[in-house]
């Protein structure tokens, strides 16, 4: 990583939520990647360190995508949802994150 030191408080705030969708499940089965909703100012090294810290797994790679907010309409009033960032995290072989284990 660069000269900046990643503190633990910042890393715990990087990951907002896992993306549990039909597309994310398909990607997880086919490419062994997990999708997360992350902060818009998060970087790839921060996302990698955060996943390794929170889930105690080894990360192979991170791919990010900036998702543009949809334009929505209520009558004559136009509005727009916020933009957000999605991260696809590839795990090393033999590693797994099970979100259903807490239930």
PDB file of N, CA and C in Angstrom:
ATOM      1  N   UNK A   1       0.832  -1.165   0.000  1.00  0.00           N
ATOM      2  CA  UNK A   1       0.000   0.000   0.000  1.00  0.00           C
ATOM      3  C   UNK A   1       0.884   1.239   0.000  1.00  0.00           C
ATOM      4  N   UNK A   2       0.303   2.386  -0.127  1.00  0.00           N
ATOM      5  CA  UNK A   2       1.082   3.607  -0.215  1.00  0.00           C
ATOM      6  C   UNK A   2       1.551   4.038   1.168  1.00  0.00           C
ATOM      7  N   UNK A   3       2.010   5.267   1.269  1.00  0.00           N
ATOM      8  CA  UNK A   3       2.558   5.752   2.528  1.00  0.00           C
ATOM      9  C   UNK A   3       1.496   5.991   3.587  1.00  0.00           C
ATOM     10  N   UNK A   4       0.225   6.009   3.198  1.00  0.00           N
ATOM     11  CA  UNK A   4      -0.829   6.218   4.193  1.00  0.00           C
ATOM     12  C   UNK A   4      -1.016   4.958   5.018  1.00  0.00           C
ATOM     13  N   UNK A   5      -1.239   5.164   6.277  1.00  0.00           N
ATOM     14  CA  UNK A   5      -1.466   4.041   7.190  1.00  0.00           C
ATOM     15  C   UNK A   5      -2.976   3.887   7.361  1.00  0.00           C
ATOM     16  N   UNK A   6      -3.463   2.672   7.092  1.00  0.00           N
ATOM     17  CA  UNK A   6      -4.894   2.406   7.219  1.00  0.00           C
ATOM     18  C   UNK A   6      -5.215   2.080   8.671  1.00  0.00           C
ATOM     19  N   UNK A   7      -6.018   2.931   9.301  1.00  0.00           N
ATOM     20  CA  UNK A   7      -6.373   2.651  10.684  1.00  0.00           C
ATOM     21  C   UNK A   7      -7.617   1.779  10.736  1.00  0.00           C
ATOM     22  N   UNK A   8      -7.767   1.096  11.831  1.00  0.00           N
ATOM     23  CA  UNK A   8      -8.825   0.105  11.966  1.00  0.00           C
ATOM     24  C   UNK A   8     -10.218   0.739  11.980  1.00  0.00           C
ATOM     25  N   UNK A   9     -10.362   1.928  12.535  1.00  0.00           N
ATOM     26  CA  UNK A   9     -11.671   2.597  12.560  1.00  0.00           C
ATOM     27  C   UNK A   9     -12.155   2.892  11.150  1.00  0.00           C
ATOM     28  N   UNK A  10     -11.254   3.360  10.300  1.00  0.00           N
ATOM     29  CA  UNK A  10     -11.621   3.658   8.908  1.00  0.00           C
ATOM     30  C   UNK A  10     -12.008   2.375   8.183  1.00  0.00           C
ATOM     31  N   UNK A  11     -11.250   1.288   8.393  1.00  0.00           N
ATOM     32  CA  UNK A  11     -11.527   0.029   7.697  1.00  0.00           C
ATOM     33  C   UNK A  11     -12.885  -0.552   8.076  1.00  0.00           C
ATOM     34  N   UNK A  12     -13.299  -0.366   9.308  1.00  0.00           N
ATOM     35  CA  UNK A  12     -14.592  -0.889   9.741  1.00  0.00           C
ATOM     36  C   UNK A  12     -15.762  -0.113   9.138  1.00  0.00           C
ATOM     37  N   UNK A  13     -15.503   1.083   8.596  1.00  0.00           N
ATOM     38  CA  UNK A  13     -16.556   1.890   7.993  1.00  0.00           C
ATOM     39  C   UNK A  13     -16.592   1.768   6.473  1.00  0.00           C
ATOM     40  N   UNK A  14     -15.635   1.078   5.869  1.00  0.00           N
ATOM     41  CA  UNK A  14     -15.550   0.996   4.409  1.00  0.00           C
ATOM     42  C   UNK A  14     -16.676   0.141   3.832  1.00  0.00           C
ATOM     43  N   UNK A  15     -16.902  -1.042   4.380  1.00  0.00           N
ATOM     44  CA  UNK A  15     -17.935  -1.950   3.870  1.00  0.00           C
ATOM     45  C   UNK A  15     -19.276  -1.545   4.480  1.00  0.00           C
ATOM     46  N   UNK A  16     -20.252  -1.256   3.610  1.00  0.00           N
ATOM     47  CA  UNK A  16     -21.573  -0.859   4.093  1.00  0.00           C
ATOM     48  C   UNK A  16     -22.522  -2.045   4.188  1.00  0.00           C
ATOM     49  N   UNK A  17     -22.549  -2.910   3.149  1.00  0.00           N
ATOM     50  CA  UNK A  17     -23.464  -4.048   3.151  1.00  0.00           C
ATOM     51  C   UNK A  17     -23.081  -5.009   2.039  1.00  0.00           C
ATOM     52  N   UNK A  18     -23.383  -6.297   2.211  1.00  0.00           N
ATOM     53  CA  UNK A  18     -23.210  -7.219   1.087  1.00  0.00           C
ATOM     54  C   UNK A  18     -24.356  -7.060   0.103  1.00  0.00           C
ATOM     55  N   UNK A  19     -24.084  -7.284  -1.162  1.00  0.00           N
ATOM     56  CA  UNK A  19     -25.122  -7.239  -2.187  1.00  0.00           C
ATOM     57  C   UNK A  19     -25.636  -8.661  -2.390  1.00  0.00           C
ATOM     58  N   UNK A  20     -26.816  -8.941  -1.879  1.00  0.00           N
ATOM     59  CA  UNK A  20     -27.426 -10.256  -2.023  1.00  0.00           C
ATOM     60  C   UNK A  20     -28.523 -10.125  -3.080  1.00  0.00           C
ATOM     61  N   UNK A  21     -28.145 -10.282  -4.333  1.00  0.00           N
ATOM     62  CA  UNK A  21     -29.086 -10.202  -5.440  1.00  0.00           C
ATOM     63  C   UNK A  21     -28.917 -11.435  -6.320  1.00  0.00           C
ATOM     64  N   UNK A  22     -29.802 -11.566  -7.281  1.00  0.00           N
ATOM     65  CA  UNK A  22     -29.710 -12.701  -8.191  1.00  0.00           C
ATOM     66  C   UNK A  22     -28.416 -12.641  -9.011  1.00  0.00           C
ATOM     67  N   UNK A  23     -28.067 -11.441  -9.470  1.00  0.00           N
ATOM     68  CA  UNK A  23     -26.842 -11.266 -10.244  1.00  0.00           C
ATOM     69  C   UNK A  23     -25.603 -11.527  -9.383  1.00  0.00           C
ATOM     70  N   UNK A  24     -25.600 -11.028  -8.147  1.00  0.00           N
ATOM     71  CA  UNK A  24     -24.461 -11.236  -7.252  1.00  0.00           C
ATOM     72  C   UNK A  24     -24.293 -12.711  -6.908  1.00  0.00           C
ATOM     73  N   UNK A  25     -25.389 -13.439  -6.767  1.00  0.00           N
ATOM     74  CA  UNK A  25     -25.326 -14.871  -6.495  1.00  0.00           C
ATOM     75  C   UNK A  25     -24.769 -15.620  -7.693  1.00  0.00           C
ATOM     76  N   UNK A  26     -25.158 -15.208  -8.889  1.00  0.00           N
ATOM     77  CA  UNK A  26     -24.644 -15.829 -10.116  1.00  0.00           C
ATOM     78  C   UNK A  26     -23.133 -15.597 -10.234  1.00  0.00           C
ATOM     79  N   UNK A  27     -22.683 -14.374  -9.962  1.00  0.00           N
ATOM     80  CA  UNK A  27     -21.254 -14.050 -10.028  1.00  0.00           C
ATOM     81  C   UNK A  27     -20.494 -14.835  -8.966  1.00  0.00           C
ATOM     82  N   UNK A  28     -21.075 -14.984  -7.792  1.00  0.00           N
ATOM     83  CA  UNK A  28     -20.421 -15.730  -6.720  1.00  0.00           C
ATOM     84  C   UNK A  28     -20.247 -17.198  -7.095  1.00  0.00           C
ATOM     85  N   UNK A  29     -21.256 -17.794  -7.718  1.00  0.00           N
ATOM     86  CA  UNK A  29     -21.170 -19.189  -8.114  1.00  0.00           C
ATOM     87  C   UNK A  29     -20.198 -19.398  -9.277  1.00  0.00           C
ATOM     88  N   UNK A  30     -20.238 -18.511 -10.255  1.00  0.00           N
ATOM     89  CA  UNK A  30     -19.457 -18.691 -11.471  1.00  0.00           C
ATOM     90  C   UNK A  30     -18.001 -18.247 -11.326  1.00  0.00           C
ATOM     91  N   UNK A  31     -17.761 -17.117 -10.654  1.00  0.00           N
ATOM     92  CA  UNK A  31     -16.415 -16.538 -10.601  1.00  0.00           C
ATOM     93  C   UNK A  31     -15.818 -16.494  -9.196  1.00  0.00           C
ATOM     94  N   UNK A  32     -16.473 -17.052  -8.210  1.00  0.00           N
ATOM     95  CA  UNK A  32     -16.015 -17.037  -6.826  1.00  0.00           C
ATOM     96  C   UNK A  32     -15.709 -15.619  -6.353  1.00  0.00           C
ATOM     97  N   UNK A  33     -16.650 -14.693  -6.601  1.00  0.00           N
ATOM     98  CA  UNK A  33     -16.534 -13.313  -6.160  1.00  0.00           C
ATOM     99  C   UNK A  33     -17.743 -12.956  -5.304  1.00  0.00           C
ATOM    100  N   UNK A  34     -17.534 -12.047  -4.357  1.00  0.00           N
ATOM    101  CA  UNK A  34     -18.610 -11.577  -3.512  1.00  0.00           C
ATOM    102  C   UNK A  34     -18.768 -10.086  -3.746  1.00  0.00           C
ATOM    103  N   UNK A  35     -20.004  -9.615  -3.856  1.00  0.00           N
ATOM    104  CA  UNK A  35     -20.275  -8.200  -4.111  1.00  0.00           C
ATOM    105  C   UNK A  35     -20.627  -7.495  -2.804  1.00  0.00           C
ATOM    106  N   UNK A  36     -20.051  -6.315  -2.613  1.00  0.00           N
ATOM    107  CA  UNK A  36     -20.313  -5.497  -1.440  1.00  0.00           C
ATOM    108  C   UNK A  36     -20.657  -4.089  -1.866  1.00  0.00           C
ATOM    109  N   UNK A  37     -21.531  -3.430  -1.106  1.00  0.00           N
ATOM    110  CA  UNK A  37     -21.759  -2.005  -1.256  1.00  0.00           C
ATOM    111  C   UNK A  37     -20.752  -1.329  -0.339  1.00  0.00           C
ATOM    112  N   UNK A  38     -19.947  -0.415  -0.895  1.00  0.00           N
ATOM    113  CA  UNK A  38     -18.879   0.222  -0.124  1.00  0.00           C
ATOM    114  C   UNK A  38     -19.013   1.735  -0.208  1.00  0.00           C
ATOM    115  N   UNK A  39     -18.252   2.441   0.620  1.00  0.00           N
ATOM    116  CA  UNK A  39     -18.253   3.898   0.596  1.00  0.00           C
ATOM    117  C   UNK A  39     -17.761   4.404  -0.752  1.00  0.00           C
ATOM    118  N   UNK A  40     -18.264   5.546  -1.180  1.00  0.00           N
ATOM    119  CA  UNK A  40     -17.890   6.075  -2.489  1.00  0.00           C
ATOM    120  C   UNK A  40     -16.442   6.551  -2.534  1.00  0.00           C
ATOM    121  N   UNK A  41     -15.845   6.853  -1.384  1.00  0.00           N
ATOM    122  CA  UNK A  41     -14.455   7.309  -1.370  1.00  0.00           C
ATOM    123  C   UNK A  41     -13.474   6.181  -1.021  1.00  0.00           C
ATOM    124  N   UNK A  42     -13.950   4.937  -0.990  1.00  0.00           N
ATOM    125  CA  UNK A  42     -13.086   3.798  -0.651  1.00  0.00           C
ATOM    126  C   UNK A  42     -12.198   3.429  -1.837  1.00  0.00           C
ATOM    127  N   UNK A  43     -10.974   3.025  -1.544  1.00  0.00           N
ATOM    128  CA  UNK A  43     -10.041   2.593  -2.573  1.00  0.00           C
ATOM    129  C   UNK A  43      -9.917   1.070  -2.546  1.00  0.00           C
ATOM    130  N   UNK A  44      -9.314   0.502  -3.599  1.00  0.00           N
ATOM    131  CA  UNK A  44      -9.156  -0.949  -3.666  1.00  0.00           C
ATOM    132  C   UNK A  44      -8.328  -1.494  -2.504  1.00  0.00           C
ATOM    133  N   UNK A  45      -7.187  -0.890  -2.135  1.00  0.00           N
ATOM    134  CA  UNK A  45      -6.446  -1.417  -0.977  1.00  0.00           C
ATOM    135  C   UNK A  45      -7.241  -1.348   0.326  1.00  0.00           C
ATOM    136  N   UNK A  46      -8.043  -0.287   0.502  1.00  0.00           N
ATOM    137  CA  UNK A  46      -8.867  -0.186   1.704  1.00  0.00           C
ATOM    138  C   UNK A  46      -9.934  -1.273   1.730  1.00  0.00           C
ATOM    139  N   UNK A  47     -10.550  -1.537   0.583  1.00  0.00           N
ATOM    140  CA  UNK A  47     -11.591  -2.561   0.517  1.00  0.00           C
ATOM    141  C   UNK A  47     -10.993  -3.935   0.810  1.00  0.00           C
ATOM    142  N   UNK A  48      -9.836  -4.208   0.237  1.00  0.00           N
ATOM    143  CA  UNK A  48      -9.162  -5.489   0.478  1.00  0.00           C
ATOM    144  C   UNK A  48      -8.833  -5.660   1.958  1.00  0.00           C
ATOM    145  N   UNK A  49      -8.245  -4.631   2.572  1.00  0.00           N
ATOM    146  CA  UNK A  49      -7.882  -4.704   3.991  1.00  0.00           C
ATOM    147  C   UNK A  49      -9.119  -4.833   4.869  1.00  0.00           C
ATOM    148  N   UNK A  50     -10.207  -4.153   4.504  1.00  0.00           N
ATOM    149  CA  UNK A  50     -11.432  -4.208   5.303  1.00  0.00           C
ATOM    150  C   UNK A  50     -12.057  -5.597   5.264  1.00  0.00           C
ATOM    151  N   UNK A  51     -12.113  -6.217   4.093  1.00  0.00           N
ATOM    152  CA  UNK A  51     -12.690  -7.559   3.976  1.00  0.00           C
ATOM    153  C   UNK A  51     -11.840  -8.565   4.749  1.00  0.00           C
ATOM    154  N   UNK A  52     -10.516  -8.444   4.644  1.00  0.00           N
ATOM    155  CA  UNK A  52      -9.632  -9.354   5.379  1.00  0.00           C
ATOM    156  C   UNK A  52      -9.775  -9.168   6.884  1.00  0.00           C
ATOM    157  N   UNK A  53      -9.975  -7.927   7.331  1.00  0.00           N
ATOM    158  CA  UNK A  53     -10.116  -7.653   8.759  1.00  0.00           C
ATOM    159  C   UNK A  53     -11.452  -8.160   9.301  1.00  0.00           C
ATOM    160  N   UNK A  54     -12.531  -7.861   8.606  1.00  0.00           N
ATOM    161  CA  UNK A  54     -13.876  -8.176   9.115  1.00  0.00           C
ATOM    162  C   UNK A  54     -14.191  -9.666   9.005  1.00  0.00           C
ATOM    163  N   UNK A  55     -13.881 -10.286   7.856  1.00  0.00           N
ATOM    164  CA  UNK A  55     -14.305 -11.663   7.608  1.00  0.00           C
ATOM    165  C   UNK A  55     -13.204 -12.696   7.824  1.00  0.00           C
ATOM    166  N   UNK A  56     -11.981 -12.274   8.133  1.00  0.00           N
ATOM    167  CA  UNK A  56     -10.851 -13.186   8.404  1.00  0.00           C
ATOM    168  C   UNK A  56     -10.609 -14.153   7.243  1.00  0.00           C
ATOM    169  N   UNK A  57     -10.571 -13.606   6.016  1.00  0.00           N
ATOM    170  CA  UNK A  57     -10.288 -14.386   4.815  1.00  0.00           C
ATOM    171  C   UNK A  57      -9.151 -13.719   4.055  1.00  0.00           C
ATOM    172  N   UNK A  58      -8.590 -14.437   3.070  1.00  0.00           N
ATOM    173  CA  UNK A  58      -7.537 -13.883   2.226  1.00  0.00           C
ATOM    174  C   UNK A  58      -8.145 -13.453   0.899  1.00  0.00           C
ATOM    175  N   UNK A  59      -7.903 -12.205   0.517  1.00  0.00           N
ATOM    176  CA  UNK A  59      -8.465 -11.641  -0.706  1.00  0.00           C
ATOM    177  C   UNK A  59      -7.436 -11.739  -1.826  1.00  0.00           C
ATOM    178  N   UNK A  60      -7.905 -12.192  -2.994  1.00  0.00           N
ATOM    179  CA  UNK A  60      -7.036 -12.302  -4.165  1.00  0.00           C
ATOM    180  C   UNK A  60      -7.042 -11.017  -4.972  1.00  0.00           C
ATOM    181  N   UNK A  61      -8.215 -10.393  -5.152  1.00  0.00           N
ATOM    182  CA  UNK A  61      -8.303  -9.163  -5.930  1.00  0.00           C
ATOM    183  C   UNK A  61      -9.601  -8.440  -5.684  1.00  0.00           C
ATOM    184  N   UNK A  62      -9.631  -7.165  -6.065  1.00  0.00           N
ATOM    185  CA  UNK A  62     -10.822  -6.332  -5.884  1.00  0.00           C
ATOM    186  C   UNK A  62     -11.091  -5.585  -7.185  1.00  0.00           C
ATOM    187  N   UNK A  63     -12.345  -5.595  -7.622  1.00  0.00           N
ATOM    188  CA  UNK A  63     -12.798  -4.814  -8.765  1.00  0.00           C
ATOM    189  C   UNK A  63     -13.921  -3.914  -8.287  1.00  0.00           C
ATOM    190  N   UNK A  64     -13.871  -2.640  -8.672  1.00  0.00           N
ATOM    191  CA  UNK A  64     -14.908  -1.711  -8.225  1.00  0.00           C
ATOM    192  C   UNK A  64     -15.700  -1.187  -9.410  1.00  0.00           C
ATOM    193  N   UNK A  65     -16.951  -0.815  -9.137  1.00  0.00           N
ATOM    194  CA  UNK A  65     -17.824  -0.227 -10.147  1.00  0.00           C
ATOM    195  C   UNK A  65     -18.605   0.908  -9.499  1.00  0.00           C
ATOM    196  N   UNK A  66     -18.582   2.067 -10.133  1.00  0.00           N
ATOM    197  CA  UNK A  66     -19.383   3.192  -9.665  1.00  0.00           C
ATOM    198  C   UNK A  66     -20.757   3.082 -10.294  1.00  0.00           C
ATOM    199  N   UNK A  67     -21.788   2.962  -9.455  1.00  0.00           N
ATOM    200  CA  UNK A  67     -23.155   2.796  -9.926  1.00  0.00           C
ATOM    201  C   UNK A  67     -23.842   4.156  -9.867  1.00  0.00           C
ATOM    202  N   UNK A  68     -24.364   4.590 -10.990  1.00  0.00           N
ATOM    203  CA  UNK A  68     -25.052   5.871 -11.049  1.00  0.00           C
ATOM    204  C   UNK A  68     -26.467   5.721 -10.489  1.00  0.00           C
ATOM    205  N   UNK A  69     -26.922   6.720  -9.748  1.00  0.00           N
ATOM    206  CA  UNK A  69     -28.258   6.694  -9.170  1.00  0.00           C
ATOM    207  C   UNK A  69     -29.325   6.855 -10.237  1.00  0.00           C
ATOM    208  N   UNK A  70     -30.428   6.170 -10.051  1.00  0.00           N
ATOM    209  CA  UNK A  70     -31.529   6.241 -11.015  1.00  0.00           C
ATOM    210  C   UNK A  70     -32.273   7.570 -10.890  1.00  0.00           C
ATOM    211  N   UNK A  71     -32.795   8.034 -12.016  1.00  0.00           N
ATOM    212  CA  UNK A  71     -33.690   9.180 -12.006  1.00  0.00           C
ATOM    213  C   UNK A  71     -35.105   8.658 -11.772  1.00  0.00           C
ATOM    214  N   UNK A  72     -35.761   9.187 -10.747  1.00  0.00           N
ATOM    215  CA  UNK A  72     -37.103   8.743 -10.388  1.00  0.00           C
ATOM    216  C   UNK A  72     -38.054   9.926 -10.478  1.00  0.00           C
ATOM    217  N   UNK A  73     -39.321   9.622 -10.611  1.00  0.00           N
ATOM    218  CA  UNK A  73     -40.306  10.671 -10.788  1.00  0.00           C
ATOM    219  C   UNK A  73     -41.527  10.388  -9.921  1.00  0.00           C
ATOM    220  N   UNK A  74     -42.027  11.421  -9.248  1.00  0.00           N
ATOM    221  CA  UNK A  74     -43.259  11.335  -8.474  1.00  0.00           C
ATOM    222  C   UNK A  74     -44.169  12.456  -8.958  1.00  0.00           C
ATOM    223  N   UNK A  75     -45.060  12.144  -9.873  1.00  0.00           N
ATOM    224  CA  UNK A  75     -45.907  13.169 -10.473  1.00  0.00           C
ATOM    225  C   UNK A  75     -45.082  14.046 -11.396  1.00  0.00           C
ATOM    226  N   UNK A  76     -45.083  15.356 -11.128  1.00  0.00           N
ATOM    227  CA  UNK A  76     -44.303  16.278 -11.946  1.00  0.00           C
ATOM    228  C   UNK A  76     -42.909  16.512 -11.384  1.00  0.00           C
ATOM    229  N   UNK A  77     -42.645  16.009 -10.215  1.00  0.00           N
ATOM    230  CA  UNK A  77     -41.382  16.278  -9.537  1.00  0.00           C
ATOM    231  C   UNK A  77     -40.361  15.194  -9.888  1.00  0.00           C
ATOM    232  N   UNK A  78     -39.229  15.624 -10.442  1.00  0.00           N
ATOM    233  CA  UNK A  78     -38.150  14.697 -10.775  1.00  0.00           C
ATOM    234  C   UNK A  78     -37.170  14.644  -9.605  1.00  0.00           C
ATOM    235  N   UNK A  79     -36.679  13.464  -9.337  1.00  0.00           N
ATOM    236  CA  UNK A  79     -35.692  13.282  -8.287  1.00  0.00           C
ATOM    237  C   UNK A  79     -34.630  12.319  -8.756  1.00  0.00           C
ATOM    238  N   UNK A  80     -33.597  12.171  -7.957  1.00  0.00           N
ATOM    239  CA  UNK A  80     -32.509  11.285  -8.336  1.00  0.00           C
ATOM    240  C   UNK A  80     -31.975  10.590  -7.090  1.00  0.00           C
ATOM    241  N   UNK A  81     -31.758   9.282  -7.211  1.00  0.00           N
ATOM    242  CA  UNK A  81     -31.147   8.534  -6.113  1.00  0.00           C
ATOM    243  C   UNK A  81     -29.647   8.818  -6.076  1.00  0.00           C
ATOM    244  N   UNK A  82     -29.024   8.535  -4.941  1.00  0.00           N
ATOM    245  CA  UNK A  82     -27.598   8.778  -4.793  1.00  0.00           C
ATOM    246  C   UNK A  82     -26.779   7.794  -5.625  1.00  0.00           C
ATOM    247  N   UNK A  83     -25.608   8.251  -6.083  1.00  0.00           N
ATOM    248  CA  UNK A  83     -24.636   7.354  -6.694  1.00  0.00           C
ATOM    249  C   UNK A  83     -23.999   6.532  -5.580  1.00  0.00           C
ATOM    250  N   UNK A  84     -23.553   5.318  -5.908  1.00  0.00           N
ATOM    251  CA  UNK A  84     -22.904   4.469  -4.915  1.00  0.00           C
ATOM    252  C   UNK A  84     -21.853   3.603  -5.587  1.00  0.00           C
ATOM    253  N   UNK A  85     -21.040   2.958  -4.789  1.00  0.00           N
ATOM    254  CA  UNK A  85     -19.931   2.157  -5.302  1.00  0.00           C
ATOM    255  C   UNK A  85     -20.117   0.702  -4.904  1.00  0.00           C
ATOM    256  N   UNK A  86     -19.870  -0.178  -5.864  1.00  0.00           N
ATOM    257  CA  UNK A  86     -19.980  -1.619  -5.650  1.00  0.00           C
ATOM    258  C   UNK A  86     -18.594  -2.232  -5.820  1.00  0.00           C
ATOM    259  N   UNK A  87     -18.244  -3.169  -4.959  1.00  0.00           N
ATOM    260  CA  UNK A  87     -16.949  -3.836  -5.038  1.00  0.00           C
ATOM    261  C   UNK A  87     -17.162  -5.335  -5.186  1.00  0.00           C
ATOM    262  N   UNK A  88     -16.501  -5.907  -6.193  1.00  0.00           N
ATOM    263  CA  UNK A  88     -16.479  -7.355  -6.368  1.00  0.00           C
ATOM    264  C   UNK A  88     -15.153  -7.859  -5.817  1.00  0.00           C
ATOM    265  N   UNK A  89     -15.214  -8.699  -4.793  1.00  0.00           N
ATOM    266  CA  UNK A  89     -14.020  -9.182  -4.109  1.00  0.00           C
ATOM    267  C   UNK A  89     -13.788 -10.645  -4.474  1.00  0.00           C
ATOM    268  N   UNK A  90     -12.615 -10.940  -5.044  1.00  0.00           N
ATOM    269  CA  UNK A  90     -12.224 -12.314  -5.362  1.00  0.00           C
ATOM    270  C   UNK A  90     -11.446 -12.883  -4.189  1.00  0.00           C
ATOM    271  N   UNK A  91     -11.854 -14.046  -3.738  1.00  0.00           N
ATOM    272  CA  UNK A  91     -11.163 -14.702  -2.629  1.00  0.00           C
ATOM    273  C   UNK A  91     -10.170 -15.720  -3.161  1.00  0.00           C
ATOM    274  N   UNK A  92      -9.134 -15.980  -2.375  1.00  0.00           N
ATOM    275  CA  UNK A  92      -8.155 -16.996  -2.756  1.00  0.00           C
ATOM    276  C   UNK A  92      -8.805 -18.373  -2.671  1.00  0.00           C
ATOM    277  N   UNK A  93      -8.290 -19.361  -3.418  1.00  0.00           N
ATOM    278  CA  UNK A  93      -8.887 -20.700  -3.394  1.00  0.00           C
ATOM    279  C   UNK A  93      -8.939 -21.268  -1.974  1.00  0.00           C
ATOM    280  N   UNK A  94     -10.081 -21.860  -1.652  1.00  0.00           N
ATOM    281  CA  UNK A  94     -10.263 -22.448  -0.332  1.00  0.00           C
ATOM    282  C   UNK A  94     -10.891 -21.495   0.673  1.00  0.00           C
ATOM    283  N   UNK A  95     -11.013 -20.228   0.333  1.00  0.00           N
ATOM    284  CA  UNK A  95     -11.599 -19.232   1.231  1.00  0.00           C
ATOM    285  C   UNK A  95     -13.089 -19.097   0.930  1.00  0.00           C
ATOM    286  N   UNK A  96     -13.878 -18.784   1.954  1.00  0.00           N
ATOM    287  CA  UNK A  96     -15.326 -18.661   1.781  1.00  0.00           C
ATOM    288  C   UNK A  96     -15.903 -17.728   2.834  1.00  0.00           C
ATOM    289  N   UNK A  97     -16.900 -16.954   2.423  1.00  0.00           N
ATOM    290  CA  UNK A  97     -17.659 -16.113   3.358  1.00  0.00           C
ATOM    291  C   UNK A  97     -19.085 -16.620   3.340  1.00  0.00           C
ATOM    292  N   UNK A  98     -19.604 -16.989   4.521  1.00  0.00           N
ATOM    293  CA  UNK A  98     -20.960 -17.505   4.621  1.00  0.00           C
ATOM    294  C   UNK A  98     -21.807 -16.495   5.390  1.00  0.00           C
ATOM    295  N   UNK A  99     -22.713 -15.803   4.688  1.00  0.00           N
ATOM    296  CA  UNK A  99     -23.544 -14.792   5.335  1.00  0.00           C
ATOM    297  C   UNK A  99     -24.686 -15.427   6.121  1.00  0.00           C
ATOM    298  N   UNK A 100     -25.070 -16.643   5.829  1.00  0.00           N
ATOM    299  CA  UNK A 100     -26.180 -17.311   6.501  1.00  0.00           C
ATOM    300  C   UNK A 100     -25.750 -17.954   7.823  1.00  0.00           C
ATOM    301  N   UNK A 101     -24.486 -17.919   8.167  1.00  0.00           N
ATOM    302  CA  UNK A 101     -23.998 -18.592   9.376  1.00  0.00           C
ATOM    303  C   UNK A 101     -24.527 -17.914  10.642  1.00  0.00           C
ATOM    304  N   UNK A 102     -24.834 -16.617  10.587  1.00  0.00           N
ATOM    305  CA  UNK A 102     -25.293 -15.902  11.776  1.00  0.00           C
ATOM    306  C   UNK A 102     -26.740 -16.202  12.138  1.00  0.00           C
ATOM    307  N   UNK A 103     -27.482 -16.821  11.258  1.00  0.00           N
ATOM    308  CA  UNK A 103     -28.902 -17.097  11.529  1.00  0.00           C
ATOM    309  C   UNK A 103     -29.106 -18.417  12.204  1.00  0.00           C
TER     310      UNK A 103
END
